[in-house]
PDB file of N, CA and C in Angstrom:
ATOM      1  N   UNK A   1       0.842  -1.203  -0.046  1.00  0.00           N
ATOM      2  CA  UNK A   1      -0.019   0.064   0.069  1.00  0.00           C
ATOM      3  C   UNK A   1       0.919   1.238  -0.026  1.00  0.00           C
ATOM      4  N   UNK A   2       0.671   2.167  -0.947  1.00  0.00           N
ATOM      5  CA  UNK A   2       1.466   3.458  -0.951  1.00  0.00           C
ATOM      6  C   UNK A   2       1.390   4.288   0.385  1.00  0.00           C
ATOM      7  N   UNK A   3       2.450   4.902   0.767  1.00  0.00           N
ATOM      8  CA  UNK A   3       2.350   5.770   1.973  1.00  0.00           C
ATOM      9  C   UNK A   3       1.880   6.918   1.540  1.00  0.00           C
ATOM     10  N   UNK A   4       1.002   7.440   2.304  1.00  0.00           N
ATOM     11  CA  UNK A   4       0.343   8.689   2.034  1.00  0.00           C
ATOM     12  C   UNK A   4       1.150   9.796   2.784  1.00  0.00           C
ATOM     13  N   UNK A   5       1.753  10.673   1.857  1.00  0.00           N
ATOM     14  CA  UNK A   5       2.654  11.707   2.553  1.00  0.00           C
ATOM     15  C   UNK A   5       1.955  12.786   3.343  1.00  0.00           C
ATOM     16  N   UNK A   6       0.522  12.696   3.171  1.00  0.00           N
ATOM     17  CA  UNK A   6      -0.110  13.749   4.008  1.00  0.00           C
ATOM     18  C   UNK A   6      -0.728  13.045   5.326  1.00  0.00           C
ATOM     19  N   UNK A   7      -0.481  11.815   5.662  1.00  0.00           N
ATOM     20  CA  UNK A   7      -0.927  11.182   6.840  1.00  0.00           C
ATOM     21  C   UNK A   7      -0.302  11.780   8.133  1.00  0.00           C
ATOM     22  N   UNK A   8      -1.097  11.951   8.950  1.00  0.00           N
ATOM     23  CA  UNK A   8      -0.693  12.739  10.362  1.00  0.00           C
ATOM     24  C   UNK A   8      -0.256  11.542  11.292  1.00  0.00           C
ATOM     25  N   UNK A   9       0.928  11.809  11.889  1.00  0.00           N
ATOM     26  CA  UNK A   9       1.304  10.840  12.811  1.00  0.00           C
ATOM     27  C   UNK A   9       1.704  11.703  14.127  1.00  0.00           C
ATOM     28  N   UNK A  10       1.403  10.832  15.291  1.00  0.00           N
ATOM     29  CA  UNK A  10       1.631  11.546  16.367  1.00  0.00           C
ATOM     30  C   UNK A  10       3.277  11.114  16.983  1.00  0.00           C
ATOM     31  N   UNK A  11       3.979  10.451  16.033  1.00  0.00           N
ATOM     32  CA  UNK A  11       5.412  10.087  16.395  1.00  0.00           C
ATOM     33  C   UNK A  11       6.365  11.411  16.361  1.00  0.00           C
ATOM     34  N   UNK A  12       6.984  11.503  17.258  1.00  0.00           N
ATOM     35  CA  UNK A  12       7.927  12.525  17.486  1.00  0.00           C
ATOM     36  C   UNK A  12       9.259  12.212  16.624  1.00  0.00           C
ATOM     37  N   UNK A  13       9.619  13.396  15.862  1.00  0.00           N
ATOM     38  CA  UNK A  13      10.937  13.281  15.300  1.00  0.00           C
ATOM     39  C   UNK A  13      12.054  13.544  16.194  1.00  0.00           C
ATOM     40  N   UNK A  14      13.168  12.848  15.980  1.00  0.00           N
ATOM     41  CA  UNK A  14      14.215  12.974  17.176  1.00  0.00           C
ATOM     42  C   UNK A  14      14.716  14.365  17.234  1.00  0.00           C
ATOM     43  N   UNK A  15      14.890  15.146  16.196  1.00  0.00           N
ATOM     44  CA  UNK A  15      15.304  16.464  16.133  1.00  0.00           C
ATOM     45  C   UNK A  15      14.401  17.404  17.107  1.00  0.00           C
ATOM     46  N   UNK A  16      12.959  17.113  16.750  1.00  0.00           N
ATOM     47  CA  UNK A  16      12.054  17.864  17.572  1.00  0.00           C
ATOM     48  C   UNK A  16      12.131  17.630  19.062  1.00  0.00           C
ATOM     49  N   UNK A  17      12.258  16.400  19.406  1.00  0.00           N
ATOM     50  CA  UNK A  17      12.463  15.968  20.826  1.00  0.00           C
ATOM     51  C   UNK A  17      13.715  16.721  21.429  1.00  0.00           C
ATOM     52  N   UNK A  18      14.678  16.658  20.717  1.00  0.00           N
ATOM     53  CA  UNK A  18      16.050  17.336  21.227  1.00  0.00           C
ATOM     54  C   UNK A  18      15.804  18.894  21.296  1.00  0.00           C
ATOM     55  N   UNK A  19      15.200  19.421  20.259  1.00  0.00           N
ATOM     56  CA  UNK A  19      14.796  20.977  20.394  1.00  0.00           C
ATOM     57  C   UNK A  19      13.882  21.243  21.529  1.00  0.00           C
ATOM     58  N   UNK A  20      12.940  20.256  21.916  1.00  0.00           N
ATOM     59  CA  UNK A  20      12.058  20.600  23.064  1.00  0.00           C
ATOM     60  C   UNK A  20      12.835  20.834  24.288  1.00  0.00           C
ATOM     61  N   UNK A  21      13.973  20.059  24.508  1.00  0.00           N
ATOM     62  CA  UNK A  21      14.856  20.199  25.602  1.00  0.00           C
ATOM     63  C   UNK A  21      15.623  21.444  25.513  1.00  0.00           C
ATOM     64  N   UNK A  22      16.160  21.779  24.326  1.00  0.00           N
ATOM     65  CA  UNK A  22      16.862  23.061  24.159  1.00  0.00           C
ATOM     66  C   UNK A  22      16.080  24.217  24.329  1.00  0.00           C
ATOM     67  N   UNK A  23      14.790  24.202  23.905  1.00  0.00           N
ATOM     68  CA  UNK A  23      13.926  25.356  24.192  1.00  0.00           C
ATOM     69  C   UNK A  23      13.551  25.586  25.638  1.00  0.00           C
ATOM     70  N   UNK A  24      13.440  24.456  26.248  1.00  0.00           N
ATOM     71  CA  UNK A  24      13.137  24.550  27.671  1.00  0.00           C
ATOM     72  C   UNK A  24      14.396  25.143  28.376  1.00  0.00           C
ATOM     73  N   UNK A  25      15.431  24.666  28.123  1.00  0.00           N
ATOM     74  CA  UNK A  25      16.733  25.123  28.783  1.00  0.00           C
ATOM     75  C   UNK A  25      17.011  26.824  28.561  1.00  0.00           C
ATOM     76  N   UNK A  26      16.887  26.987  27.270  1.00  0.00           N
ATOM     77  CA  UNK A  26      17.041  28.391  26.822  1.00  0.00           C
ATOM     78  C   UNK A  26      16.055  29.428  27.356  1.00  0.00           C
ATOM     79  N   UNK A  27      14.716  29.021  27.388  1.00  0.00           N
ATOM     80  CA  UNK A  27      13.753  29.848  27.963  1.00  0.00           C
ATOM     81  C   UNK A  27      13.929  30.113  29.448  1.00  0.00           C
ATOM     82  N   UNK A  28      14.273  28.925  30.302  1.00  0.00           N
ATOM     83  CA  UNK A  28      14.701  28.925  31.523  1.00  0.00           C
ATOM     84  C   UNK A  28      15.795  29.980  31.789  1.00  0.00           C
ATOM     85  N   UNK A  29      16.794  29.827  30.972  1.00  0.00           N
ATOM     86  CA  UNK A  29      17.959  30.790  31.322  1.00  0.00           C
ATOM     87  C   UNK A  29      17.548  32.274  31.106  1.00  0.00           C
ATOM     88  N   UNK A  30      16.756  32.414  30.165  1.00  0.00           N
ATOM     89  CA  UNK A  30      16.155  33.849  29.798  1.00  0.00           C
ATOM     90  C   UNK A  30      15.321  34.395  31.073  1.00  0.00           C
ATOM     91  N   UNK A  31      14.537  33.346  31.532  1.00  0.00           N
ATOM     92  CA  UNK A  31      13.684  33.915  32.760  1.00  0.00           C
ATOM     93  C   UNK A  31      14.574  34.010  34.055  1.00  0.00           C
ATOM     94  N   UNK A  32      15.637  33.303  34.151  1.00  0.00           N
ATOM     95  CA  UNK A  32      16.616  33.494  35.192  1.00  0.00           C
ATOM     96  C   UNK A  32      17.231  34.805  35.290  1.00  0.00           C
ATOM     97  N   UNK A  33      17.498  35.373  34.023  1.00  0.00           N
ATOM     98  CA  UNK A  33      18.137  36.695  33.764  1.00  0.00           C
ATOM     99  C   UNK A  33      17.046  37.627  34.168  1.00  0.00           C
ATOM    100  N   UNK A  34      15.781  37.314  33.869  1.00  0.00           N
ATOM    101  CA  UNK A  34      14.718  38.253  34.100  1.00  0.00           C
ATOM    102  C   UNK A  34      14.036  38.741  32.786  1.00  0.00           C
ATOM    103  N   UNK A  35      12.878  38.774  32.735  1.00  0.00           N
ATOM    104  CA  UNK A  35      12.217  39.389  31.632  1.00  0.00           C
ATOM    105  C   UNK A  35      11.895  40.923  32.207  1.00  0.00           C
ATOM    106  N   UNK A  36      11.834  41.818  31.217  1.00  0.00           N
ATOM    107  CA  UNK A  36      11.471  43.111  31.687  1.00  0.00           C
ATOM    108  C   UNK A  36      10.016  43.257  32.123  1.00  0.00           C
ATOM    109  N   UNK A  37       9.063  42.374  32.005  1.00  0.00           N
ATOM    110  CA  UNK A  37       7.787  42.493  32.047  1.00  0.00           C
ATOM    111  C   UNK A  37       7.485  42.049  33.655  1.00  0.00           C
ATOM    112  N   UNK A  38       7.069  43.162  34.370  1.00  0.00           N
ATOM    113  CA  UNK A  38       7.032  42.846  35.883  1.00  0.00           C
ATOM    114  C   UNK A  38       5.748  41.925  36.198  1.00  0.00           C
ATOM    115  N   UNK A  39       5.059  41.630  35.269  1.00  0.00           N
ATOM    116  CA  UNK A  39       3.970  40.657  35.570  1.00  0.00           C
ATOM    117  C   UNK A  39       4.479  39.235  35.653  1.00  0.00           C
ATOM    118  N   UNK A  40       5.494  38.792  34.986  1.00  0.00           N
ATOM    119  CA  UNK A  40       6.098  37.650  35.098  1.00  0.00           C
ATOM    120  C   UNK A  40       6.916  37.359  36.498  1.00  0.00           C
ATOM    121  N   UNK A  41       6.122  36.552  37.247  1.00  0.00           N
ATOM    122  CA  UNK A  41       6.700  36.131  38.524  1.00  0.00           C
ATOM    123  C   UNK A  41       7.548  35.035  38.572  1.00  0.00           C
ATOM    124  N   UNK A  42       7.483  34.233  39.642  1.00  0.00           N
ATOM    125  CA  UNK A  42       8.417  33.006  39.736  1.00  0.00           C
ATOM    126  C   UNK A  42       7.775  31.870  38.835  1.00  0.00           C
ATOM    127  N   UNK A  43       8.517  31.702  37.753  1.00  0.00           N
ATOM    128  CA  UNK A  43       7.997  30.883  36.715  1.00  0.00           C
ATOM    129  C   UNK A  43       9.080  29.899  36.279  1.00  0.00           C
ATOM    130  N   UNK A  44       8.562  28.490  36.302  1.00  0.00           N
ATOM    131  CA  UNK A  44       9.503  27.455  35.916  1.00  0.00           C
ATOM    132  C   UNK A  44       9.023  26.862  34.623  1.00  0.00           C
ATOM    133  N   UNK A  45       9.823  26.596  33.719  1.00  0.00           N
ATOM    134  CA  UNK A  45       9.427  26.029  32.499  1.00  0.00           C
ATOM    135  C   UNK A  45       9.570  24.391  32.755  1.00  0.00           C
ATOM    136  N   UNK A  46       8.363  23.687  32.643  1.00  0.00           N
ATOM    137  CA  UNK A  46       8.360  22.289  33.038  1.00  0.00           C
ATOM    138  C   UNK A  46       8.587  21.448  31.776  1.00  0.00           C
ATOM    139  N   UNK A  47       8.193  21.838  30.670  1.00  0.00           N
ATOM    140  CA  UNK A  47       8.400  21.018  29.519  1.00  0.00           C
ATOM    141  C   UNK A  47       7.847  21.887  28.073  1.00  0.00           C
ATOM    142  N   UNK A  48       8.423  21.504  27.112  1.00  0.00           N
ATOM    143  CA  UNK A  48       8.184  22.201  25.794  1.00  0.00           C
ATOM    144  C   UNK A  48       7.820  21.181  24.850  1.00  0.00           C
ATOM    145  N   UNK A  49       6.690  21.239  24.102  1.00  0.00           N
ATOM    146  CA  UNK A  49       6.268  20.298  22.915  1.00  0.00           C
ATOM    147  C   UNK A  49       6.340  21.125  21.717  1.00  0.00           C
ATOM    148  N   UNK A  50       7.174  20.712  20.660  1.00  0.00           N
ATOM    149  CA  UNK A  50       7.222  21.500  19.526  1.00  0.00           C
ATOM    150  C   UNK A  50       6.749  20.459  18.457  1.00  0.00           C
ATOM    151  N   UNK A  51       5.811  21.006  17.572  1.00  0.00           N
ATOM    152  CA  UNK A  51       5.345  20.172  16.528  1.00  0.00           C
ATOM    153  C   UNK A  51       6.471  19.709  15.531  1.00  0.00           C
ATOM    154  N   UNK A  52       6.275  18.654  14.878  1.00  0.00           N
ATOM    155  CA  UNK A  52       7.342  18.154  13.936  1.00  0.00           C
ATOM    156  C   UNK A  52       7.719  19.038  12.790  1.00  0.00           C
ATOM    157  N   UNK A  53       6.728  19.899  12.300  1.00  0.00           N
ATOM    158  CA  UNK A  53       6.908  20.799  11.362  1.00  0.00           C
ATOM    159  C   UNK A  53       7.662  22.095  11.773  1.00  0.00           C
ATOM    160  N   UNK A  54       7.812  22.250  13.161  1.00  0.00           N
ATOM    161  CA  UNK A  54       8.406  23.565  13.883  1.00  0.00           C
ATOM    162  C   UNK A  54       7.447  24.745  13.689  1.00  0.00           C
ATOM    163  N   UNK A  55       6.227  24.427  13.584  1.00  0.00           N
ATOM    164  CA  UNK A  55       5.287  25.781  13.418  1.00  0.00           C
ATOM    165  C   UNK A  55       4.990  26.144  14.731  1.00  0.00           C
ATOM    166  N   UNK A  56       4.768  25.259  15.797  1.00  0.00           N
ATOM    167  CA  UNK A  56       4.239  25.594  17.012  1.00  0.00           C
ATOM    168  C   UNK A  56       4.987  25.029  18.091  1.00  0.00           C
ATOM    169  N   UNK A  57       5.036  25.731  19.301  1.00  0.00           N
ATOM    170  CA  UNK A  57       5.586  25.252  20.487  1.00  0.00           C
ATOM    171  C   UNK A  57       4.560  25.416  21.598  1.00  0.00           C
ATOM    172  N   UNK A  58       4.331  24.438  22.402  1.00  0.00           N
ATOM    173  CA  UNK A  58       3.523  24.585  23.538  1.00  0.00           C
ATOM    174  C   UNK A  58       4.533  24.584  24.730  1.00  0.00           C
ATOM    175  N   UNK A  59       4.477  25.797  25.450  1.00  0.00           N
ATOM    176  CA  UNK A  59       5.430  25.794  26.617  1.00  0.00           C
ATOM    177  C   UNK A  59       4.672  25.830  27.845  1.00  0.00           C
ATOM    178  N   UNK A  60       4.973  24.613  28.641  1.00  0.00           N
ATOM    179  CA  UNK A  60       4.274  24.397  29.928  1.00  0.00           C
ATOM    180  C   UNK A  60       5.065  25.011  31.003  1.00  0.00           C
ATOM    181  N   UNK A  61       4.317  25.933  31.718  1.00  0.00           N
ATOM    182  CA  UNK A  61       4.951  26.632  32.771  1.00  0.00           C
ATOM    183  C   UNK A  61       4.318  26.363  34.277  1.00  0.00           C
ATOM    184  N   UNK A  62       4.974  26.349  35.236  1.00  0.00           N
ATOM    185  CA  UNK A  62       4.601  26.249  36.567  1.00  0.00           C
ATOM    186  C   UNK A  62       4.742  27.637  37.236  1.00  0.00           C
ATOM    187  N   UNK A  63       3.783  28.176  37.910  1.00  0.00           N
ATOM    188  CA  UNK A  63       4.016  29.506  38.446  1.00  0.00           C
ATOM    189  C   UNK A  63       3.730  29.375  39.954  1.00  0.00           C
ATOM    190  N   UNK A  64       4.650  29.886  40.777  1.00  0.00           N
ATOM    191  CA  UNK A  64       4.398  29.831  42.118  1.00  0.00           C
ATOM    192  C   UNK A  64       3.728  31.030  42.479  1.00  0.00           C
ATOM    193  N   UNK A  65       2.548  30.811  43.278  1.00  0.00           N
ATOM    194  CA  UNK A  65       1.807  32.081  43.704  1.00  0.00           C
ATOM    195  C   UNK A  65       0.318  31.848  43.590  1.00  0.00           C
ATOM    196  N   UNK A  66      -0.543  32.895  43.744  1.00  0.00           N
ATOM    197  CA  UNK A  66      -1.990  32.806  43.776  1.00  0.00           C
ATOM    198  C   UNK A  66      -2.452  32.660  42.377  1.00  0.00           C
ATOM    199  N   UNK A  67      -3.790  32.507  42.282  1.00  0.00           N
ATOM    200  CA  UNK A  67      -4.207  32.362  40.955  1.00  0.00           C
ATOM    201  C   UNK A  67      -4.173  33.647  40.124  1.00  0.00           C
ATOM    202  N   UNK A  68      -4.202  34.794  40.756  1.00  0.00           N
ATOM    203  CA  UNK A  68      -4.071  36.070  40.182  1.00  0.00           C
ATOM    204  C   UNK A  68      -2.630  36.175  39.660  1.00  0.00           C
ATOM    205  N   UNK A  69      -1.632  35.750  40.574  1.00  0.00           N
ATOM    206  CA  UNK A  69      -0.219  35.797  40.141  1.00  0.00           C
ATOM    207  C   UNK A  69       0.130  34.908  38.870  1.00  0.00           C
ATOM    208  N   UNK A  70      -0.556  33.783  38.793  1.00  0.00           N
ATOM    209  CA  UNK A  70      -0.540  32.806  37.846  1.00  0.00           C
ATOM    210  C   UNK A  70      -0.938  33.331  36.494  1.00  0.00           C
ATOM    211  N   UNK A  71      -2.107  33.945  36.638  1.00  0.00           N
ATOM    212  CA  UNK A  71      -2.829  34.543  35.376  1.00  0.00           C
ATOM    213  C   UNK A  71      -2.036  35.838  34.805  1.00  0.00           C
ATOM    214  N   UNK A  72      -1.549  36.623  35.727  1.00  0.00           N
ATOM    215  CA  UNK A  72      -0.609  37.625  35.485  1.00  0.00           C
ATOM    216  C   UNK A  72       0.660  37.229  34.778  1.00  0.00           C
ATOM    217  N   UNK A  73       1.280  36.164  35.372  1.00  0.00           N
ATOM    218  CA  UNK A  73       2.550  35.673  34.754  1.00  0.00           C
ATOM    219  C   UNK A  73       2.180  35.126  33.231  1.00  0.00           C
ATOM    220  N   UNK A  74       1.157  34.367  33.032  1.00  0.00           N
ATOM    221  CA  UNK A  74       0.935  33.945  31.883  1.00  0.00           C
ATOM    222  C   UNK A  74       0.550  35.210  30.821  1.00  0.00           C
ATOM    223  N   UNK A  75       0.005  36.095  31.254  1.00  0.00           N
ATOM    224  CA  UNK A  75      -0.273  37.259  30.316  1.00  0.00           C
ATOM    225  C   UNK A  75       1.191  37.869  29.988  1.00  0.00           C
ATOM    226  N   UNK A  76       1.985  38.050  31.090  1.00  0.00           N
ATOM    227  CA  UNK A  76       3.276  38.536  30.788  1.00  0.00           C
ATOM    228  C   UNK A  76       4.255  37.880  29.842  1.00  0.00           C
ATOM    229  N   UNK A  77       4.115  36.560  29.986  1.00  0.00           N
ATOM    230  CA  UNK A  77       4.765  35.667  28.895  1.00  0.00           C
ATOM    231  C   UNK A  77       4.285  35.720  27.563  1.00  0.00           C
ATOM    232  N   UNK A  78       3.076  35.717  27.477  1.00  0.00           N
ATOM    233  CA  UNK A  78       2.382  35.711  26.154  1.00  0.00           C
ATOM    234  C   UNK A  78       2.605  37.064  25.437  1.00  0.00           C
ATOM    235  N   UNK A  79       2.696  38.049  26.165  1.00  0.00           N
ATOM    236  CA  UNK A  79       3.254  39.374  25.644  1.00  0.00           C
ATOM    237  C   UNK A  79       4.616  39.580  25.464  1.00  0.00           C
ATOM    238  N   UNK A  80       5.505  38.685  25.965  1.00  0.00           N
ATOM    239  CA  UNK A  80       6.915  38.593  25.609  1.00  0.00           C
ATOM    240  C   UNK A  80       7.182  37.574  24.655  1.00  0.00           C
ATOM    241  N   UNK A  81       6.152  36.787  24.099  1.00  0.00           N
ATOM    242  CA  UNK A  81       6.541  35.766  23.265  1.00  0.00           C
ATOM    243  C   UNK A  81       7.377  36.169  22.107  1.00  0.00           C
ATOM    244  N   UNK A  82       7.205  37.348  21.473  1.00  0.00           N
ATOM    245  CA  UNK A  82       7.992  37.703  20.220  1.00  0.00           C
ATOM    246  C   UNK A  82       9.489  37.862  20.763  1.00  0.00           C
ATOM    247  N   UNK A  83       9.650  38.631  21.819  1.00  0.00           N
ATOM    248  CA  UNK A  83      11.083  38.767  22.378  1.00  0.00           C
ATOM    249  C   UNK A  83      11.755  37.491  22.579  1.00  0.00           C
ATOM    250  N   UNK A  84      10.910  36.593  23.145  1.00  0.00           N
ATOM    251  CA  UNK A  84      11.578  35.092  23.546  1.00  0.00           C
ATOM    252  C   UNK A  84      11.878  34.367  22.190  1.00  0.00           C
ATOM    253  N   UNK A  85      10.902  34.553  21.260  1.00  0.00           N
ATOM    254  CA  UNK A  85      11.306  33.734  19.917  1.00  0.00           C
ATOM    255  C   UNK A  85      12.646  34.481  19.273  1.00  0.00           C
ATOM    256  N   UNK A  86      12.768  35.751  19.424  1.00  0.00           N
ATOM    257  CA  UNK A  86      13.957  36.253  18.893  1.00  0.00           C
ATOM    258  C   UNK A  86      15.269  35.773  19.561  1.00  0.00           C
ATOM    259  N   UNK A  87      15.068  35.772  21.007  1.00  0.00           N
ATOM    260  CA  UNK A  87      16.242  35.187  21.781  1.00  0.00           C
ATOM    261  C   UNK A  87      16.523  33.839  21.258  1.00  0.00           C
ATOM    262  N   UNK A  88      15.579  32.922  21.283  1.00  0.00           N
ATOM    263  CA  UNK A  88      15.622  31.568  20.883  1.00  0.00           C
ATOM    264  C   UNK A  88      16.328  31.523  19.593  1.00  0.00           C
ATOM    265  N   UNK A  89      16.007  32.415  18.649  1.00  0.00           N
ATOM    266  CA  UNK A  89      16.660  32.298  17.363  1.00  0.00           C
ATOM    267  C   UNK A  89      18.178  32.625  17.397  1.00  0.00           C
ATOM    268  N   UNK A  90      18.518  33.621  18.206  1.00  0.00           N
ATOM    269  CA  UNK A  90      19.941  33.872  18.275  1.00  0.00           C
ATOM    270  C   UNK A  90      20.710  32.828  19.130  1.00  0.00           C
ATOM    271  N   UNK A  91      20.048  32.323  20.193  1.00  0.00           N
ATOM    272  CA  UNK A  91      20.706  31.499  21.133  1.00  0.00           C
ATOM    273  C   UNK A  91      20.841  29.922  20.485  1.00  0.00           C
ATOM    274  N   UNK A  92      19.805  29.637  19.755  1.00  0.00           N
ATOM    275  CA  UNK A  92      19.978  28.256  19.184  1.00  0.00           C
ATOM    276  C   UNK A  92      20.431  28.214  17.661  1.00  0.00           C
ATOM    277  N   UNK A  93      20.638  29.520  16.957  1.00  0.00           N
ATOM    278  CA  UNK A  93      21.029  29.689  15.687  1.00  0.00           C
ATOM    279  C   UNK A  93      20.229  28.685  14.812  1.00  0.00           C
ATOM    280  N   UNK A  94      18.926  28.833  14.984  1.00  0.00           N
ATOM    281  CA  UNK A  94      17.977  28.044  13.945  1.00  0.00           C
ATOM    282  C   UNK A  94      17.242  29.030  13.299  1.00  0.00           C
ATOM    283  N   UNK A  95      16.804  28.781  11.941  1.00  0.00           N
ATOM    284  CA  UNK A  95      16.215  29.669  11.252  1.00  0.00           C
ATOM    285  C   UNK A  95      14.661  29.853  11.532  1.00  0.00           C
ATOM    286  N   UNK A  96      14.029  28.759  11.810  1.00  0.00           N
ATOM    287  CA  UNK A  96      12.593  28.734  11.974  1.00  0.00           C
ATOM    288  C   UNK A  96      12.252  28.628  13.427  1.00  0.00           C
ATOM    289  N   UNK A  97      11.713  29.489  13.998  1.00  0.00           N
ATOM    290  CA  UNK A  97      11.341  29.477  15.477  1.00  0.00           C
ATOM    291  C   UNK A  97       9.832  29.397  15.507  1.00  0.00           C
ATOM    292  N   UNK A  98       9.451  28.378  16.080  1.00  0.00           N
ATOM    293  CA  UNK A  98       7.798  28.118  16.116  1.00  0.00           C
ATOM    294  C   UNK A  98       7.111  29.341  16.978  1.00  0.00           C
ATOM    295  N   UNK A  99       5.805  29.463  16.685  1.00  0.00           N
ATOM    296  CA  UNK A  99       4.907  30.331  17.463  1.00  0.00           C
ATOM    297  C   UNK A  99       4.925  29.668  18.860  1.00  0.00           C
ATOM    298  N   UNK A 100       5.051  30.552  19.866  1.00  0.00           N
ATOM    299  CA  UNK A 100       5.110  30.124  21.209  1.00  0.00           C
ATOM    300  C   UNK A 100       3.778  30.270  22.014  1.00  0.00           C
ATOM    301  N   UNK A 101       3.212  29.239  22.510  1.00  0.00           N
ATOM    302  CA  UNK A 101       1.948  29.291  23.275  1.00  0.00           C
ATOM    303  C   UNK A 101       2.264  28.873  24.804  1.00  0.00           C
ATOM    304  N   UNK A 102       1.852  29.632  25.669  1.00  0.00           N
ATOM    305  CA  UNK A 102       2.297  29.450  27.100  1.00  0.00           C
ATOM    306  C   UNK A 102       0.974  28.867  27.802  1.00  0.00           C
ATOM    307  N   UNK A 103       1.349  27.642  28.329  1.00  0.00           N
ATOM    308  CA  UNK A 103       0.149  26.979  29.026  1.00  0.00           C
ATOM    309  C   UNK A 103       0.611  26.719  30.467  1.00  0.00           C
ATOM    310  N   UNK A 104      -0.475  26.859  31.411  1.00  0.00           N
ATOM    311  CA  UNK A 104      -0.336  26.571  32.786  1.00  0.00           C
ATOM    312  C   UNK A 104      -0.108  25.080  33.148  1.00  0.00           C
ATOM    313  N   UNK A 105       0.982  24.612  33.634  1.00  0.00           N
ATOM    314  CA  UNK A 105       1.141  23.324  33.863  1.00  0.00           C
ATOM    315  C   UNK A 105       0.561  22.950  35.398  1.00  0.00           C
ATOM    316  N   UNK A 106      -0.531  22.466  35.588  1.00  0.00           N
ATOM    317  CA  UNK A 106      -1.221  22.262  36.896  1.00  0.00           C
ATOM    318  C   UNK A 106      -0.542  21.014  37.544  1.00  0.00           C
ATOM    319  N   UNK A 107       0.227  20.188  36.965  1.00  0.00           N
ATOM    320  CA  UNK A 107       0.887  18.872  37.587  1.00  0.00           C
ATOM    321  C   UNK A 107       1.509  19.086  39.018  1.00  0.00           C
ATOM    322  N   UNK A 108       2.288  20.211  38.978  1.00  0.00           N
ATOM    323  CA  UNK A 108       3.061  20.551  40.337  1.00  0.00           C
ATOM    324  C   UNK A 108       2.006  20.772  41.436  1.00  0.00           C
ATOM    325  N   UNK A 109       1.025  21.685  41.029  1.00  0.00           N
ATOM    326  CA  UNK A 109      -0.178  21.949  42.061  1.00  0.00           C
ATOM    327  C   UNK A 109      -0.841  20.758  42.485  1.00  0.00           C
ATOM    328  N   UNK A 110      -1.047  19.853  41.573  1.00  0.00           N
ATOM    329  CA  UNK A 110      -1.839  18.592  41.802  1.00  0.00           C
ATOM    330  C   UNK A 110      -0.984  17.789  42.658  1.00  0.00           C
ATOM    331  N   UNK A 111       0.269  17.547  42.389  1.00  0.00           N
ATOM    332  CA  UNK A 111       1.057  16.769  43.215  1.00  0.00           C
ATOM    333  C   UNK A 111       1.145  17.321  44.660  1.00  0.00           C
ATOM    334  N   UNK A 112       1.287  18.675  44.723  1.00  0.00           N
ATOM    335  CA  UNK A 112       1.355  19.234  46.277  1.00  0.00           C
ATOM    336  C   UNK A 112       0.156  18.993  46.970  1.00  0.00           C
ATOM    337  N   UNK A 113      -1.086  18.948  46.324  1.00  0.00           N
ATOM    338  CA  UNK A 113      -2.360  18.761  46.918  1.00  0.00           C
ATOM    339  C   UNK A 113      -2.409  17.359  47.311  1.00  0.00           C
ATOM    340  N   UNK A 114      -1.974  16.373  46.493  1.00  0.00           N
ATOM    341  CA  UNK A 114      -1.962  14.993  46.996  1.00  0.00           C
ATOM    342  C   UNK A 114      -1.157  14.745  48.151  1.00  0.00           C
ATOM    343  N   UNK A 115       0.059  15.477  48.107  1.00  0.00           N
ATOM    344  CA  UNK A 115       1.144  15.218  49.248  1.00  0.00           C
ATOM    345  C   UNK A 115       0.329  15.843  50.561  1.00  0.00           C
ATOM    346  N   UNK A 116      -0.384  16.988  50.418  1.00  0.00           N
ATOM    347  CA  UNK A 116      -0.935  17.302  51.562  1.00  0.00           C
ATOM    348  C   UNK A 116      -2.001  16.581  52.198  1.00  0.00           C
ATOM    349  N   UNK A 117      -2.797  15.922  51.366  1.00  0.00           N
ATOM    350  CA  UNK A 117      -3.824  15.148  51.732  1.00  0.00           C
ATOM    351  C   UNK A 117      -3.239  13.842  52.362  1.00  0.00           C
ATOM    352  N   UNK A 118      -2.185  13.289  51.828  1.00  0.00           N
ATOM    353  CA  UNK A 118      -1.527  12.220  52.429  1.00  0.00           C
ATOM    354  C   UNK A 118      -1.071  12.419  53.840  1.00  0.00           C
ATOM    355  N   UNK A 119      -0.248  13.581  53.847  1.00  0.00           N
ATOM    356  CA  UNK A 119       0.213  13.973  55.193  1.00  0.00           C
ATOM    357  C   UNK A 119      -0.929  14.277  56.236  1.00  0.00           C
ATOM    358  N   UNK A 120      -2.153  14.738  55.822  1.00  0.00           N
ATOM    359  CA  UNK A 120      -3.258  14.906  56.784  1.00  0.00           C
ATOM    360  C   UNK A 120      -3.695  13.466  57.341  1.00  0.00           C
ATOM    361  N   UNK A 121      -3.875  12.592  56.164  1.00  0.00           N
ATOM    362  CA  UNK A 121      -4.363  11.131  56.645  1.00  0.00           C
ATOM    363  C   UNK A 121      -3.240  10.482  57.468  1.00  0.00           C
ATOM    364  N   UNK A 122      -1.940  10.662  57.278  1.00  0.00           N
ATOM    365  CA  UNK A 122      -1.020  10.149  58.147  1.00  0.00           C
ATOM    366  C   UNK A 122      -1.142  10.719  59.558  1.00  0.00           C
ATOM    367  N   UNK A 123      -1.314  12.068  59.759  1.00  0.00           N
ATOM    368  CA  UNK A 123      -1.374  12.667  60.960  1.00  0.00           C
ATOM    369  C   UNK A 123      -2.589  12.303  61.628  1.00  0.00           C
ATOM    370  N   UNK A 124      -3.622  11.899  61.040  1.00  0.00           N
ATOM    371  CA  UNK A 124      -4.856  11.504  61.547  1.00  0.00           C
ATOM    372  C   UNK A 124      -4.873   9.976  61.897  1.00  0.00           C
ATOM    373  N   UNK A 125      -3.917   9.321  61.572  1.00  0.00           N
ATOM    374  CA  UNK A 125      -3.791   8.011  61.869  1.00  0.00           C
ATOM    375  C   UNK A 125      -4.491   6.960  60.812  1.00  0.00           C
ATOM    376  N   UNK A 126      -4.967   7.658  59.861  1.00  0.00           N
ATOM    377  CA  UNK A 126      -5.863   6.851  58.785  1.00  0.00           C
ATOM    378  C   UNK A 126      -5.047   6.266  57.806  1.00  0.00           C
ATOM    379  N   UNK A 127      -3.713   6.514  57.948  1.00  0.00           N
ATOM    380  CA  UNK A 127      -2.828   5.865  56.794  1.00  0.00           C
ATOM    381  C   UNK A 127      -1.659   5.210  57.542  1.00  0.00           C
TER     382      UNK A 127
END
């Protein structure tokens, strides 16, 4: 059966997987230096997922703080996306930089909530 060149596959290309980690590292470095946007608080880049065609990158972020601080940091990051893309292009020396989408990664909050519940159960003798 001939292979359809337009078939969509969820398989990740090795280059894209490598770029995921490079993007995470470089954006993290930039955040450590500090963005000029005061809305961006204590943000950690947990992971980056780049599409195989390098058109889009989903940047998962964990933000320490209240819901208001989290929302504010996301707005600041979204407004800084163009600057971050320019920085990535220079730092990684690649021609095509994907459009960046910043998404709140709730996994850390979820893990902390579970730890709290387990600690309460242990303290009450139920565990």
